[in-house]
Protein backbone atom coordinates (compact mmCIF):
# COMPACT_ATOMS: atom_id res chain seq x y z
CA MET A 1 142.76 -64.89 169.59
CA GLN A 2 140.72 -65.28 172.75
CA LEU A 3 139.41 -68.71 173.75
CA ALA A 4 135.87 -67.29 173.78
CA ALA A 5 136.15 -66.51 170.07
CA ILE A 6 136.98 -70.15 169.36
CA GLN A 7 134.13 -71.38 171.54
CA ASN A 8 131.70 -69.25 169.51
CA ALA A 9 132.37 -71.57 166.58
CA GLN A 10 131.28 -74.68 168.49
CA PRO A 11 127.54 -74.58 167.61
CA LEU A 12 128.46 -74.64 163.92
CA TRP A 13 130.14 -78.04 164.09
CA ASP A 14 127.61 -79.36 166.61
CA ALA A 15 124.76 -78.69 164.19
CA SER A 16 126.42 -78.92 160.80
CA GLU A 17 125.10 -81.59 158.44
CA ALA A 18 128.69 -82.01 157.26
CA TYR A 19 129.41 -83.95 160.45
CA VAL A 20 126.67 -86.55 159.94
CA GLY A 21 128.28 -90.01 159.85
CA MET A 22 131.02 -89.07 162.30
CA GLU A 23 131.26 -89.86 165.99
CA VAL A 24 133.03 -87.09 167.90
CA GLN A 25 134.85 -88.10 171.06
CA ALA A 26 135.99 -84.61 172.05
CA VAL A 27 136.46 -81.06 170.82
CA GLY A 28 139.75 -79.46 171.77
CA PHE A 29 141.20 -75.94 171.68
CA GLU A 30 144.81 -75.16 170.83
CA HIS A 31 145.20 -73.15 174.01
CA GLY A 32 148.49 -71.28 174.18
CA LYS A 33 149.12 -70.88 170.44
CA GLU A 34 149.32 -67.45 168.89
CA ASN A 35 146.43 -68.26 166.55
CA PRO A 36 144.62 -71.13 168.26
CA GLY A 37 142.25 -73.34 166.35
CA VAL A 38 139.83 -76.15 167.04
CA VAL A 39 140.73 -79.85 166.95
CA ILE A 40 137.91 -82.37 166.58
CA TYR A 41 138.76 -85.88 167.79
CA ALA A 42 136.57 -88.41 165.98
CA THR A 43 136.22 -92.06 166.88
CA LYS A 44 134.39 -92.95 163.69
CA GLY A 45 134.00 -91.59 160.16
CA SER A 46 134.84 -92.41 156.56
CA ALA A 47 137.40 -90.69 154.36
CA ARG A 48 134.47 -89.34 152.35
CA ASP A 49 132.96 -87.82 155.51
CA PHE A 50 136.25 -86.11 156.34
CA ARG A 51 136.65 -84.63 152.85
CA LYS A 52 133.32 -82.82 153.26
CA LEU A 53 134.37 -81.06 156.44
CA PRO A 54 135.24 -77.35 156.55
CA VAL A 55 138.81 -76.42 157.40
CA GLU A 56 137.74 -73.08 158.84
CA VAL A 57 134.68 -71.81 160.74
CA ASN A 58 134.22 -68.06 161.28
CA GLY A 59 137.93 -67.54 160.70
CA VAL A 60 138.95 -70.28 163.15
CA SER A 61 140.94 -73.22 161.75
CA VAL A 62 139.42 -76.67 162.23
CA THR A 63 141.54 -79.84 162.30
CA ILE A 64 139.99 -83.32 162.26
CA ARG A 65 141.78 -86.24 163.92
CA LYS A 66 140.40 -89.75 163.55
CA ILE A 67 141.81 -91.45 166.63
CA GLY A 68 139.41 -94.33 167.28
CA GLY A 69 138.24 -95.30 170.74
CA VAL A 70 139.76 -93.94 173.96
CA ASN A 71 139.21 -95.88 177.16
CA ILE A 72 140.58 -96.81 180.56
CA LYS A 73 141.04 -100.57 180.93
CA PRO A 74 144.29 -101.54 182.68
CA GLU A 75 143.82 -105.27 181.98
CA LEU A 76 144.64 -104.53 178.33
CA ALA A 77 148.27 -104.02 179.35
CA HIS A 78 148.81 -107.72 179.96
CA GLY A 79 149.57 -110.11 177.15
CA ASN A 80 149.46 -107.86 174.09
CA THR A 81 152.09 -105.17 174.52
CA GLY A 82 155.38 -107.05 174.44
CA GLN A 83 158.16 -106.90 177.00
CA PRO A 84 157.20 -104.72 180.00
CA HIS A 85 159.70 -102.20 181.28
CA VAL A 86 161.18 -102.58 184.76
CA PHE A 87 163.82 -99.92 185.29
CA GLU A 88 166.52 -99.94 187.97
CA ARG A 89 168.82 -97.23 189.28
CA MET A 90 171.37 -97.89 192.02
CA LYS A 91 169.61 -101.27 192.51
CA ARG A 92 166.36 -99.41 193.22
CA ILE A 93 163.11 -99.45 191.26
CA ALA A 94 163.11 -96.37 189.02
CA CYS A 95 160.10 -94.35 187.90
CA GLY A 96 158.50 -95.42 184.64
CA SER A 97 158.45 -99.05 185.78
CA SER A 98 155.62 -101.57 185.74
CA CYS A 99 153.54 -101.61 188.93
CA ALA A 100 150.19 -102.72 190.34
CA PRO A 101 148.56 -103.60 193.68
CA ALA A 102 149.31 -107.07 195.03
CA GLY A 103 146.98 -109.61 193.47
CA ALA A 104 145.94 -107.37 190.58
CA GLU A 105 145.65 -108.91 187.13
CA TYR A 106 146.82 -105.81 185.31
CA ALA A 107 149.72 -103.36 185.15
CA GLY A 108 150.33 -99.63 185.09
CA THR A 109 153.23 -97.24 185.63
CA PHE A 110 154.98 -95.93 188.75
CA GLY A 111 155.00 -92.30 187.65
CA ALA A 112 156.99 -90.36 190.23
CA ILE A 113 157.92 -89.91 193.86
CA VAL A 114 156.12 -87.09 195.67
CA SER A 115 156.43 -85.72 199.18
CA ARG A 116 154.02 -84.38 201.79
CA ASN A 117 154.91 -83.32 205.32
CA GLY A 118 158.25 -85.11 205.15
CA GLN A 119 156.81 -88.42 203.92
CA LEU A 120 157.42 -89.94 200.50
CA PHE A 121 154.67 -91.38 198.30
CA ALA A 122 154.52 -93.11 194.93
CA LEU A 123 152.29 -91.37 192.37
CA SER A 124 150.13 -93.01 189.70
CA ASN A 125 146.50 -93.17 188.58
CA ASN A 126 143.50 -94.20 190.65
CA HIS A 127 142.80 -96.92 188.09
CA VAL A 128 146.37 -98.23 188.56
CA PHE A 129 146.87 -98.10 192.35
CA GLY A 130 143.19 -97.98 193.30
CA ALA A 131 141.58 -100.28 190.68
CA CYS A 132 139.00 -97.51 190.19
CA ASN A 133 138.20 -96.88 193.88
CA HIS A 134 138.38 -100.56 194.97
CA THR A 135 141.91 -101.33 196.24
CA PRO A 136 141.91 -101.52 200.07
CA VAL A 137 143.99 -98.96 201.93
CA ASN A 138 147.44 -100.30 202.87
CA MET A 139 147.49 -102.88 200.06
CA PRO A 140 151.10 -103.38 198.87
CA ILE A 141 151.96 -101.77 195.54
CA LEU A 142 154.38 -104.04 193.72
CA ALA A 143 156.95 -103.27 191.03
CA PRO A 144 156.95 -104.93 188.64
CA ALA A 145 153.29 -105.93 188.60
CA ASN A 146 152.59 -109.61 189.27
CA VAL A 147 151.43 -110.10 185.68
CA ASP A 148 154.80 -108.82 184.44
CA ALA A 149 156.93 -111.27 186.40
CA ALA A 150 159.33 -113.03 184.03
CA PRO A 151 162.60 -114.99 184.28
CA GLN A 152 164.68 -112.18 182.84
CA LEU A 153 163.14 -109.42 184.99
CA ARG A 154 163.43 -108.37 188.60
CA SER A 155 160.87 -110.17 190.76
CA PRO A 156 157.90 -108.19 192.14
CA GLY A 157 158.67 -106.33 195.33
CA GLU A 158 156.84 -103.81 197.48
CA ILE A 159 157.53 -100.18 196.68
CA ALA A 160 154.56 -98.55 198.43
CA ARG A 161 151.32 -99.08 200.37
CA HIS A 162 148.11 -97.84 198.78
CA SER A 163 147.05 -94.72 200.68
CA GLU A 164 144.72 -92.21 199.02
CA ILE A 165 142.73 -91.63 195.84
CA VAL A 166 140.68 -88.95 194.17
CA PRO A 167 137.49 -90.96 193.45
CA LEU A 168 136.38 -91.69 189.91
CA ARG A 169 132.69 -90.92 189.33
CA SER A 170 130.41 -92.27 186.62
CA GLY A 171 127.07 -90.82 185.56
CA ASP A 172 125.43 -88.04 183.59
CA PRO A 173 127.62 -84.91 183.87
CA GLU A 174 124.51 -82.83 184.53
CA LEU A 175 123.98 -84.89 187.69
CA VAL A 176 127.48 -86.03 188.64
CA HIS A 177 130.35 -83.56 188.77
CA PRO A 178 132.84 -84.45 185.99
CA CYS A 179 136.31 -85.67 186.96
CA VAL A 180 139.39 -83.57 186.36
CA GLU A 181 141.82 -86.18 187.62
CA ASP A 182 142.57 -89.91 187.84
CA VAL A 183 145.15 -89.95 190.62
CA ALA A 184 146.30 -92.02 193.59
CA ILE A 185 149.27 -92.11 195.95
CA GLY A 186 150.87 -94.85 198.01
CA LEU A 187 153.05 -94.33 201.08
CA ILE A 188 156.65 -95.49 200.53
CA PRO A 189 157.66 -97.40 203.70
CA ASP A 190 161.29 -97.88 202.65
CA PRO A 191 162.66 -94.97 200.55
CA SER A 192 165.87 -96.93 199.89
CA LYS A 193 163.96 -99.19 197.47
CA VAL A 194 162.95 -96.52 194.96
CA SER A 195 164.62 -93.89 192.80
CA SER A 196 163.33 -90.64 191.33
CA TRP A 197 165.22 -91.49 188.11
CA GLN A 198 162.99 -92.02 185.07
CA GLY A 199 163.84 -95.02 182.91
CA ASP A 200 167.18 -96.62 182.10
CA ASP A 201 170.71 -95.20 182.04
CA GLN A 202 169.75 -93.01 179.08
CA GLY A 203 166.85 -91.57 181.10
CA TYR A 204 166.57 -88.47 183.26
CA ASP A 205 165.76 -87.47 186.80
CA THR A 206 162.24 -86.43 187.75
CA PRO A 207 162.13 -82.63 187.47
CA SER A 208 160.93 -80.76 190.53
CA ALA A 209 159.93 -77.66 188.53
CA ILE A 210 156.62 -77.63 186.68
CA LEU A 211 155.28 -76.08 183.47
CA SER A 212 151.70 -75.56 182.35
CA PRO A 213 150.71 -77.42 179.16
CA SER A 214 150.28 -75.39 175.98
CA ALA A 215 149.57 -76.36 172.38
CA GLY A 216 152.78 -77.11 170.51
CA LEU A 217 154.87 -77.94 173.58
CA LYS A 218 157.30 -80.82 172.95
CA VAL A 219 157.14 -83.46 175.68
CA MET A 220 158.21 -86.99 176.57
CA LYS A 221 157.33 -89.67 179.08
CA THR A 222 158.70 -92.98 180.36
CA GLY A 223 156.22 -95.80 180.89
CA ARG A 224 155.82 -99.51 181.50
CA THR A 225 154.82 -100.41 177.93
CA THR A 226 156.38 -98.03 175.45
CA GLY A 227 159.32 -96.85 177.58
CA LYS A 228 160.61 -93.41 176.61
CA SER A 229 158.42 -91.80 173.96
CA PHE A 230 158.02 -88.32 172.56
CA GLY A 231 155.03 -86.20 171.63
CA THR A 232 153.54 -82.77 171.12
CA VAL A 233 150.83 -81.25 173.29
CA GLU A 234 147.97 -80.56 170.90
CA ALA A 235 144.72 -79.36 172.49
CA LEU A 236 142.86 -78.70 175.73
CA ILE A 237 139.55 -80.48 176.32
CA ASP A 238 137.70 -78.13 178.65
CA GLU A 239 134.17 -79.56 178.32
CA PRO A 240 133.00 -82.88 179.88
CA THR A 241 134.03 -85.79 177.64
CA PRO A 242 132.98 -89.43 178.16
CA ILE A 243 135.63 -92.14 178.57
CA PRO A 244 134.63 -95.78 179.20
CA CYS A 245 136.37 -97.12 182.30
CA GLN A 246 136.56 -100.76 183.38
CA THR A 247 138.34 -102.83 186.01
CA LYS A 248 137.32 -106.02 187.81
CA TYR A 249 135.03 -104.19 190.24
CA PHE A 250 134.14 -101.04 188.29
CA LYS A 251 132.50 -100.49 184.93
CA GLY A 252 131.02 -97.21 183.75
CA THR A 253 131.48 -94.07 181.71
CA VAL A 254 133.50 -91.40 183.49
CA TRP A 255 133.23 -87.85 182.18
CA PHE A 256 136.50 -85.91 182.26
CA LYS A 257 137.30 -82.27 181.57
CA ASN A 258 140.34 -79.95 181.71
CA MET A 259 142.59 -82.57 180.15
CA TRP A 260 145.06 -82.38 177.27
CA TYR A 261 145.64 -84.51 174.19
CA VAL A 262 149.25 -85.31 173.35
CA MET A 263 150.05 -86.47 169.82
CA GLY A 264 152.92 -88.94 169.52
CA ASP A 265 155.94 -87.92 167.46
CA GLY A 266 156.74 -91.58 166.73
CA PRO A 267 154.71 -94.75 166.20
CA HIS A 268 153.44 -94.69 169.80
CA PHE A 269 153.17 -92.12 172.54
CA ALA A 270 151.30 -94.37 174.99
CA LEU A 271 149.65 -97.80 175.14
CA PRO A 272 147.83 -99.72 177.89
CA GLY A 273 150.18 -100.07 180.86
CA ASP A 274 151.67 -96.60 180.42
CA SER A 275 148.95 -95.03 182.58
CA GLY A 276 150.44 -93.09 185.46
CA SER A 277 153.53 -91.96 183.55
CA LEU A 278 154.88 -88.51 184.30
CA VAL A 279 154.88 -86.30 181.19
CA VAL A 280 157.82 -83.87 181.12
CA SER A 281 159.21 -81.26 178.75
CA GLU A 282 161.49 -82.68 176.07
CA ASP A 283 164.55 -81.26 177.83
CA ALA A 284 163.42 -82.94 181.09
CA LYS A 285 163.59 -79.64 182.97
CA TYR A 286 159.88 -79.42 183.79
CA ALA A 287 157.04 -81.77 184.71
CA VAL A 288 153.96 -81.06 182.60
CA GLY A 289 151.29 -83.66 183.38
CA VAL A 290 150.31 -87.21 184.32
CA LEU A 291 149.15 -89.63 181.64
CA PHE A 292 145.90 -91.51 182.27
CA SER A 293 144.56 -92.81 178.95
CA SER A 294 145.37 -93.37 175.28
CA ASN A 295 143.70 -94.36 172.06
CA LYS A 296 143.90 -97.96 170.84
CA THR A 297 146.65 -97.35 168.31
CA GLY A 298 148.83 -95.55 170.84
CA ASP A 299 149.49 -92.41 168.82
CA TYR A 300 147.50 -90.23 171.24
CA GLY A 301 147.59 -89.91 175.00
CA LEU A 302 145.52 -87.94 177.50
CA MET A 303 147.09 -86.19 180.46
CA MET A 304 146.11 -84.10 183.48
CA PRO A 305 148.11 -80.89 184.17
CA ILE A 306 150.73 -81.48 186.84
CA SER A 307 149.86 -78.20 188.60
CA HIS A 308 146.43 -79.60 189.40
CA VAL A 309 147.76 -83.01 190.42
CA LEU A 310 150.16 -81.42 192.91
CA SER A 311 147.31 -79.45 194.49
CA LEU A 312 145.60 -82.68 195.56
CA PHE A 313 145.93 -84.65 198.81
CA GLY A 314 146.44 -81.44 200.76
CA GLY A 315 149.35 -80.44 198.55
CA ILE A 316 152.23 -82.63 197.34
CA SER A 317 155.52 -81.89 195.59
CA LEU A 318 157.66 -83.80 193.12
CA VAL A 319 160.84 -85.36 194.49
CA ALA A 320 164.12 -85.15 192.55
CA GLN A 321 167.68 -86.31 193.29
CA HIS A 322 166.48 -89.34 195.24
CA GLY A 323 168.52 -92.53 194.86
CA ILE A 324 170.18 -91.54 191.62
């Protein structure tokens, strides 16, 4: 079934009285499935409201997911998510570890090593490395983050220097072009301090090959908060969708599009602090996307396709077989 046929159903749920009492965060399409349907992600609604909803519109299946609020607030990582993950490989900081700019009161994830013109960079989100556009260029990126320093963990040390971002923009999507990425890179001054390995000894190397997301694809990621977790790519959000975003110097609603929801296969796929994680195929052969948000309960994450991420900053590529 063509995507256009699914989109023709959209006015029916936009206008239907059956959806009164619900708050819809996003409408997704099961792009890539043989018979794709629509997935409605609701932040609010009663069980009674959900029972009234149609399961099919014009021959297109409709699935309702009540996922609660989705936001970007890195400070939530500190103090309420248990023991942070700091991974080492060959005495180097491995990908998936806690990280943050020096002086930051939050934590995110060192997602991967990328290269450009012979130089190596650390990859994560703008809201992790850049504090939503506000981290000065050349600020040290530490792993683990200062807030994750603990007696039993490796002490914070510099892994990169904040270099470049794709800016986050807030405002009405009819006036401000919606974002399709939340990405930053930091130059790695000493490549001997980092490893392309993801996670602990039961982890995997960063794949250099990439794969486009599709509904039903089994994936996994390694992150600061939930470590290695597994999920299933569910739906593409191709229309502008509002996500509240807040750091110390930035507060606003950022509209995103061309992102994918991933449904966790266990109790959590992602929680605050996992932002920046590299999402890979379950067999670890392909990189699929970069995580940048999750719902409050952690059973859903949002990612950007890796093909788009690698097209940024003049073109970058994933680094494998480094320090493993």
